[in-house]
Structure formats: C-alpha cells, structure tokens
C-alpha cells in the first residue's frame, strides 16, 4: 500500500487504517464532512477511503484540510468542561442512534431506514473526531510537557498518567467481559455453544 494517492488534483496521504466495512466507511466519511458541527466542532473533514477485502480500510487526507481541521478540533476540545460537553453529546447521540435502530428493526420502512442512516452518519463522525483528537492532542501534549521541562524519556509515562480515563471505556468493559467469558468457558462454568448463541 502506498502512503500517498493522487486524486482530484490533490495528493492524499495515509493517516489511519481501520477494519470497518465499506458501507460503514461511506457513512463515516459523510458524517465527518457534515456532522462535526453537531459535536460543536466548526469544521468539515474530508477523507478518501481505499477498502480491500471488504473490511481493510485505508483512510487518506489532504492538506491543508487535515491540518486546518485538526487545529480546529483541538482548539474546540481544550478544557475539562468542553470535554464533558463532548462526552454528553456522544452519549446523547448514541442513545438516539440506538433508538433509531430499534425503530428500524421493529418496522423497516424507507423513512425509518433513512432516519437510521442519518443517525449512523452523525454518530460515526465521532469515530474520526476521536481519532484525529487522539493524534493531534497527544502531539500538543507532548510539546507542552517538553516546554515545561519534562524529560523526553518521561513524556510517554506522563501522558499515560494524565490521559488515563476516570472510568472504564466501553471498549475496555467489553474486552474485560470477553476475558471473563473465556475464563468461564475454561473452567466449565458455561459451555462455548451457549456463548455463541
């Protein structure tokens, strides 16, 4: 895989790879372009996706859009209160997304399907928002710690301490539950076929 792609007169550079379906990528791309503002981020982020084997996705961005969007995202998210607001939006949008899915599963109509897609797009925008924020935020924090005199060899540890979440993330909780299930299967408390159901 090349690190750059020439498309539409722009040189696009690889900025992230993901295991996500082509369908999910389409909704994520649309969401990142139209829905960052719903999270309180006044920017539109463009990216190009090359997908292989249905799930292996390579996301490309171009300058100056990437840097301008990244700087706007970072400046819009600075401060504890701003992060709390952002978390609140994630939670509210997540509930609305799940509700639209329930409605669609109960009665699949064109109207319900379109509502579900709209909710998916908006919520998926957060996936790129956090990916970009994680990257530029970590770099900004590294520069700030260096300016404050923290030795280079202590910066990774310091960043880990500063950014460790107050409560476990959903990803952590799901991974922990998988380990618990594996342990229950190993000890014979439950059968593997029961987990697969």
Foldseek 3Di string as FASTA:
>chain_A
DDQWDQDPNFIWGWDDKWFAFPVLVVLLQLLQQPAPVVLVQPAHFHWDWDDDPRGIITIIGTPPRLVVSLVSLQVQQPDPVSVVSSVVSLVVLVVQLVVLVVVCVVPPDPVSVVSNSVSSSNNSSVVVSVVSCVVVVLVVQLVVVVVVPDDPVCSVVVCCVVPPDPDDDPVVVVVVVVVVVVVCCVVVVDPPVVVVD
